């Protein structure tokens, strides 16, 4: 039997573990988790990409 796990779920678990062990802050963990939607090419990939792009452009302006 083939078992598949979504990349978004794996990224969420990884971000949660890194957050739990205090290797990432909440903001960085959120970015890692949102990147999972992009990697998985889920239906949220488009809006997540737009959100991350807007955040990067906003940070670059300051």
PDB file of N, CA and C in Angstrom:
ATOM      1  N   UNK A   1       0.836  -1.164   0.000  1.00  0.00           N
ATOM      2  CA  UNK A   1       0.000   0.000   0.000  1.00  0.00           C
ATOM      3  C   UNK A   1       0.891   1.241   0.000  1.00  0.00           C
ATOM      4  N   UNK A   2       0.557   2.160  -0.872  1.00  0.00           N
ATOM      5  CA  UNK A   2       1.318   3.395  -1.002  1.00  0.00           C
ATOM      6  C   UNK A   2       0.703   4.457  -0.101  1.00  0.00           C
ATOM      7  N   UNK A   3       1.523   5.046   0.736  1.00  0.00           N
ATOM      8  CA  UNK A   3       1.062   6.106   1.627  1.00  0.00           C
ATOM      9  C   UNK A   3       1.752   7.396   1.210  1.00  0.00           C
ATOM     10  N   UNK A   4       0.973   8.417   0.959  1.00  0.00           N
ATOM     11  CA  UNK A   4       1.548   9.703   0.580  1.00  0.00           C
ATOM     12  C   UNK A   4       1.227  10.734   1.653  1.00  0.00           C
ATOM     13  N   UNK A   5       2.142  11.647   1.820  1.00  0.00           N
ATOM     14  CA  UNK A   5       1.966  12.731   2.778  1.00  0.00           C
ATOM     15  C   UNK A   5       2.203  14.033   2.033  1.00  0.00           C
ATOM     16  N   UNK A   6       1.326  14.964   2.236  1.00  0.00           N
ATOM     17  CA  UNK A   6       1.436  16.258   1.576  1.00  0.00           C
ATOM     18  C   UNK A   6       2.690  16.995   2.033  1.00  0.00           C
ATOM     19  N   UNK A   7       3.316  17.694   1.106  1.00  0.00           N
ATOM     20  CA  UNK A   7       4.488  18.502   1.449  1.00  0.00           C
ATOM     21  C   UNK A   7       4.094  19.611   2.422  1.00  0.00           C
ATOM     22  N   UNK A   8       2.870  20.112   2.296  1.00  0.00           N
ATOM     23  CA  UNK A   8       2.408  21.147   3.222  1.00  0.00           C
ATOM     24  C   UNK A   8       2.335  20.589   4.644  1.00  0.00           C
ATOM     25  N   UNK A   9       1.874  19.352   4.785  1.00  0.00           N
ATOM     26  CA  UNK A   9       1.799  18.723   6.098  1.00  0.00           C
ATOM     27  C   UNK A   9       3.199  18.479   6.668  1.00  0.00           C
ATOM     28  N   UNK A  10       4.115  18.039   5.819  1.00  0.00           N
ATOM     29  CA  UNK A  10       5.490  17.823   6.274  1.00  0.00           C
ATOM     30  C   UNK A  10       6.146  19.129   6.713  1.00  0.00           C
ATOM     31  N   UNK A  11       5.926  20.191   5.954  1.00  0.00           N
ATOM     32  CA  UNK A  11       6.501  21.487   6.316  1.00  0.00           C
ATOM     33  C   UNK A  11       5.881  22.014   7.609  1.00  0.00           C
ATOM     34  N   UNK A  12       4.588  21.780   7.800  1.00  0.00           N
ATOM     35  CA  UNK A  12       3.932  22.206   9.032  1.00  0.00           C
ATOM     36  C   UNK A  12       4.500  21.448  10.232  1.00  0.00           C
ATOM     37  N   UNK A  13       4.704  20.148  10.064  1.00  0.00           N
ATOM     38  CA  UNK A  13       5.269  19.350  11.153  1.00  0.00           C
ATOM     39  C   UNK A  13       6.701  19.783  11.458  1.00  0.00           C
ATOM     40  N   UNK A  14       7.475  20.024  10.411  1.00  0.00           N
ATOM     41  CA  UNK A  14       8.856  20.479  10.607  1.00  0.00           C
ATOM     42  C   UNK A  14       8.914  21.843  11.273  1.00  0.00           C
ATOM     43  N   UNK A  15       8.067  22.754  10.829  1.00  0.00           N
ATOM     44  CA  UNK A  15       8.031  24.087  11.430  1.00  0.00           C
ATOM     45  C   UNK A  15       7.576  24.013  12.881  1.00  0.00           C
ATOM     46  N   UNK A  16       6.601  23.152  13.154  1.00  0.00           N
ATOM     47  CA  UNK A  16       6.132  22.980  14.528  1.00  0.00           C
ATOM     48  C   UNK A  16       7.223  22.436  15.429  1.00  0.00           C
ATOM     49  N   UNK A  17       7.978  21.462  14.924  1.00  0.00           N
ATOM     50  CA  UNK A  17       9.066  20.891  15.716  1.00  0.00           C
ATOM     51  C   UNK A  17      10.161  21.926  15.963  1.00  0.00           C
ATOM     52  N   UNK A  18      10.527  22.672  14.941  1.00  0.00           N
ATOM     53  CA  UNK A  18      11.557  23.704  15.109  1.00  0.00           C
ATOM     54  C   UNK A  18      11.095  24.805  16.057  1.00  0.00           C
ATOM     55  N   UNK A  19       9.820  25.128  15.999  1.00  0.00           N
ATOM     56  CA  UNK A  19       9.267  26.124  16.903  1.00  0.00           C
ATOM     57  C   UNK A  19       9.258  25.591  18.337  1.00  0.00           C
ATOM     58  N   UNK A  20       8.880  24.334  18.499  1.00  0.00           N
ATOM     59  CA  UNK A  20       8.832  23.710  19.824  1.00  0.00           C
ATOM     60  C   UNK A  20      10.219  23.677  20.476  1.00  0.00           C
ATOM     61  N   UNK A  21      11.227  23.333  19.675  1.00  0.00           N
ATOM     62  CA  UNK A  21      12.586  23.253  20.204  1.00  0.00           C
ATOM     63  C   UNK A  21      13.303  24.610  20.171  1.00  0.00           C
ATOM     64  N   UNK A  22      12.554  25.672  19.862  1.00  0.00           N
ATOM     65  CA  UNK A  22      13.049  27.051  19.870  1.00  0.00           C
ATOM     66  C   UNK A  22      14.223  27.273  18.923  1.00  0.00           C
ATOM     67  N   UNK A  23      14.162  26.616  17.769  1.00  0.00           N
ATOM     68  CA  UNK A  23      15.169  26.837  16.726  1.00  0.00           C
ATOM     69  C   UNK A  23      14.703  27.901  15.742  1.00  0.00           C
ATOM     70  N   UNK A  24      13.402  28.160  15.724  1.00  0.00           N
ATOM     71  CA  UNK A  24      12.799  29.189  14.875  1.00  0.00           C
ATOM     72  C   UNK A  24      11.880  30.050  15.724  1.00  0.00           C
ATOM     73  N   UNK A  25      11.738  31.284  15.319  1.00  0.00           N
ATOM     74  CA  UNK A  25      10.746  32.145  15.943  1.00  0.00           C
ATOM     75  C   UNK A  25       9.400  31.931  15.263  1.00  0.00           C
ATOM     76  N   UNK A  26       8.336  32.482  15.819  1.00  0.00           N
ATOM     77  CA  UNK A  26       7.007  32.296  15.228  1.00  0.00           C
ATOM     78  C   UNK A  26       6.894  32.812  13.795  1.00  0.00           C
ATOM     79  N   UNK A  27       7.520  33.943  13.483  1.00  0.00           N
ATOM     80  CA  UNK A  27       7.454  34.490  12.119  1.00  0.00           C
ATOM     81  C   UNK A  27       8.138  33.591  11.107  1.00  0.00           C
ATOM     82  N   UNK A  28       9.322  33.107  11.456  1.00  0.00           N
ATOM     83  CA  UNK A  28      10.048  32.218  10.551  1.00  0.00           C
ATOM     84  C   UNK A  28       9.313  30.891  10.399  1.00  0.00           C
ATOM     85  N   UNK A  29       8.725  30.393  11.472  1.00  0.00           N
ATOM     86  CA  UNK A  29       7.964  29.143  11.393  1.00  0.00           C
ATOM     87  C   UNK A  29       6.759  29.314  10.467  1.00  0.00           C
ATOM     88  N   UNK A  30       6.119  30.480  10.515  1.00  0.00           N
ATOM     89  CA  UNK A  30       4.991  30.751   9.632  1.00  0.00           C
ATOM     90  C   UNK A  30       5.431  30.753   8.173  1.00  0.00           C
ATOM     91  N   UNK A  31       6.569  31.359   7.886  1.00  0.00           N
ATOM     92  CA  UNK A  31       7.088  31.387   6.513  1.00  0.00           C
ATOM     93  C   UNK A  31       7.409  29.973   6.036  1.00  0.00           C
ATOM     94  N   UNK A  32       8.015  29.161   6.895  1.00  0.00           N
ATOM     95  CA  UNK A  32       8.323  27.763   6.526  1.00  0.00           C
ATOM     96  C   UNK A  32       7.031  27.009   6.250  1.00  0.00           C
ATOM     97  N   UNK A  33       6.022  27.195   7.106  1.00  0.00           N
ATOM     98  CA  UNK A  33       4.755  26.498   6.927  1.00  0.00           C
ATOM     99  C   UNK A  33       4.060  26.942   5.634  1.00  0.00           C
ATOM    100  N   UNK A  34       4.061  28.238   5.362  1.00  0.00           N
ATOM    101  CA  UNK A  34       3.443  28.733   4.133  1.00  0.00           C
ATOM    102  C   UNK A  34       4.192  28.240   2.898  1.00  0.00           C
ATOM    103  N   UNK A  35       5.492  28.069   3.013  1.00  0.00           N
ATOM    104  CA  UNK A  35       6.272  27.542   1.891  1.00  0.00           C
ATOM    105  C   UNK A  35       5.869  26.118   1.558  1.00  0.00           C
ATOM    106  N   UNK A  36       5.358  25.388   2.525  1.00  0.00           N
ATOM    107  CA  UNK A  36       4.879  24.033   2.276  1.00  0.00           C
ATOM    108  C   UNK A  36       3.723  24.013   1.283  1.00  0.00           C
ATOM    109  N   UNK A  37       2.853  25.018   1.346  1.00  0.00           N
ATOM    110  CA  UNK A  37       1.754  25.088   0.383  1.00  0.00           C
ATOM    111  C   UNK A  37       2.287  25.313  -1.024  1.00  0.00           C
ATOM    112  N   UNK A  38       3.345  26.099  -1.140  1.00  0.00           N
ATOM    113  CA  UNK A  38       3.964  26.338  -2.433  1.00  0.00           C
ATOM    114  C   UNK A  38       4.627  25.070  -2.942  1.00  0.00           C
ATOM    115  N   UNK A  39       5.363  24.388  -2.070  1.00  0.00           N
ATOM    116  CA  UNK A  39       6.055  23.158  -2.469  1.00  0.00           C
ATOM    117  C   UNK A  39       5.067  22.069  -2.857  1.00  0.00           C
ATOM    118  N   UNK A  40       3.924  22.027  -2.184  1.00  0.00           N
ATOM    119  CA  UNK A  40       2.934  20.997  -2.473  1.00  0.00           C
ATOM    120  C   UNK A  40       2.067  21.350  -3.679  1.00  0.00           C
ATOM    121  N   UNK A  41       2.162  22.571  -4.140  1.00  0.00           N
ATOM    122  CA  UNK A  41       1.329  23.054  -5.248  1.00  0.00           C
ATOM    123  C   UNK A  41      -0.153  22.822  -4.968  1.00  0.00           C
ATOM    124  N   UNK A  42      -0.564  23.134  -3.749  1.00  0.00           N
ATOM    125  CA  UNK A  42      -1.967  22.998  -3.384  1.00  0.00           C
ATOM    126  C   UNK A  42      -2.761  24.155  -3.973  1.00  0.00           C
ATOM    127  N   UNK A  43      -4.045  24.151  -3.743  1.00  0.00           N
ATOM    128  CA  UNK A  43      -4.897  25.226  -4.217  1.00  0.00           C
ATOM    129  C   UNK A  43      -4.538  26.563  -3.601  1.00  0.00           C
ATOM    130  N   UNK A  44      -3.891  26.530  -2.449  1.00  0.00           N
ATOM    131  CA  UNK A  44      -3.471  27.768  -1.795  1.00  0.00           C
ATOM    132  C   UNK A  44      -2.118  28.262  -2.281  1.00  0.00           C
ATOM    133  N   UNK A  45      -1.476  27.550  -3.186  1.00  0.00           N
ATOM    134  CA  UNK A  45      -0.132  27.938  -3.635  1.00  0.00           C
ATOM    135  C   UNK A  45      -0.121  29.335  -4.249  1.00  0.00           C
ATOM    136  N   UNK A  46      -1.095  29.656  -5.072  1.00  0.00           N
ATOM    137  CA  UNK A  46      -1.139  30.972  -5.717  1.00  0.00           C
ATOM    138  C   UNK A  46      -1.262  32.108  -4.717  1.00  0.00           C
ATOM    139  N   UNK A  47      -2.287  32.070  -3.841  1.00  0.00           N
ATOM    140  CA  UNK A  47      -2.403  33.138  -2.848  1.00  0.00           C
ATOM    141  C   UNK A  47      -1.224  33.204  -1.878  1.00  0.00           C
ATOM    142  N   UNK A  48      -0.674  32.062  -1.505  1.00  0.00           N
ATOM    143  CA  UNK A  48       0.476  32.056  -0.594  1.00  0.00           C
ATOM    144  C   UNK A  48       1.684  32.684  -1.283  1.00  0.00           C
ATOM    145  N   UNK A  49       1.902  32.346  -2.552  1.00  0.00           N
ATOM    146  CA  UNK A  49       3.012  32.961  -3.297  1.00  0.00           C
ATOM    147  C   UNK A  49       2.833  34.474  -3.372  1.00  0.00           C
ATOM    148  N   UNK A  50       1.608  34.922  -3.629  1.00  0.00           N
ATOM    149  CA  UNK A  50       1.347  36.361  -3.702  1.00  0.00           C
ATOM    150  C   UNK A  50       1.598  37.021  -2.352  1.00  0.00           C
ATOM    151  N   UNK A  51       1.188  36.368  -1.263  1.00  0.00           N
ATOM    152  CA  UNK A  51       1.401  36.914   0.072  1.00  0.00           C
ATOM    153  C   UNK A  51       2.885  37.004   0.407  1.00  0.00           C
ATOM    154  N   UNK A  52       3.634  35.951   0.114  1.00  0.00           N
ATOM    155  CA  UNK A  52       5.068  35.961   0.399  1.00  0.00           C
ATOM    156  C   UNK A  52       5.799  36.993  -0.460  1.00  0.00           C
ATOM    157  N   UNK A  53       5.392  37.120  -1.716  1.00  0.00           N
ATOM    158  CA  UNK A  53       5.995  38.115  -2.596  1.00  0.00           C
ATOM    159  C   UNK A  53       5.730  39.530  -2.094  1.00  0.00           C
ATOM    160  N   UNK A  54       4.483  39.782  -1.670  1.00  0.00           N
ATOM    161  CA  UNK A  54       4.146  41.100  -1.145  1.00  0.00           C
ATOM    162  C   UNK A  54       4.927  41.394   0.136  1.00  0.00           C
ATOM    163  N   UNK A  55       5.092  40.377   0.987  1.00  0.00           N
ATOM    164  CA  UNK A  55       5.841  40.584   2.233  1.00  0.00           C
ATOM    165  C   UNK A  55       7.307  40.892   1.948  1.00  0.00           C
ATOM    166  N   UNK A  56       7.893  40.193   0.988  1.00  0.00           N
ATOM    167  CA  UNK A  56       9.293  40.439   0.641  1.00  0.00           C
ATOM    168  C   UNK A  56       9.458  41.831   0.060  1.00  0.00           C
ATOM    169  N   UNK A  57       8.535  42.238  -0.807  1.00  0.00           N
ATOM    170  CA  UNK A  57       8.610  43.583  -1.389  1.00  0.00           C
ATOM    171  C   UNK A  57       8.411  44.656  -0.308  1.00  0.00           C
ATOM    172  N   UNK A  58       7.510  44.418   0.637  1.00  0.00           N
ATOM    173  CA  UNK A  58       7.303  45.384   1.716  1.00  0.00           C
ATOM    174  C   UNK A  58       8.544  45.510   2.584  1.00  0.00           C
ATOM    175  N   UNK A  59       9.181  44.392   2.871  1.00  0.00           N
ATOM    176  CA  UNK A  59      10.407  44.440   3.676  1.00  0.00           C
ATOM    177  C   UNK A  59      11.549  45.108   2.921  1.00  0.00           C
ATOM    178  N   UNK A  60      11.579  44.939   1.612  1.00  0.00           N
ATOM    179  CA  UNK A  60      12.657  45.528   0.803  1.00  0.00           C
ATOM    180  C   UNK A  60      12.499  47.063   0.729  1.00  0.00           C
ATOM    181  N   UNK A  61      11.298  47.550   0.873  1.00  0.00           N
ATOM    182  CA  UNK A  61      11.053  48.991   0.799  1.00  0.00           C
ATOM    183  C   UNK A  61      11.588  49.731   2.023  1.00  0.00           C
ATOM    184  N   UNK A  62      11.726  49.034   3.145  1.00  0.00           N
ATOM    185  CA  UNK A  62      12.144  49.692   4.392  1.00  0.00           C
ATOM    186  C   UNK A  62      13.583  49.541   4.588  1.00  0.00           C
TER     187      UNK A  62
END
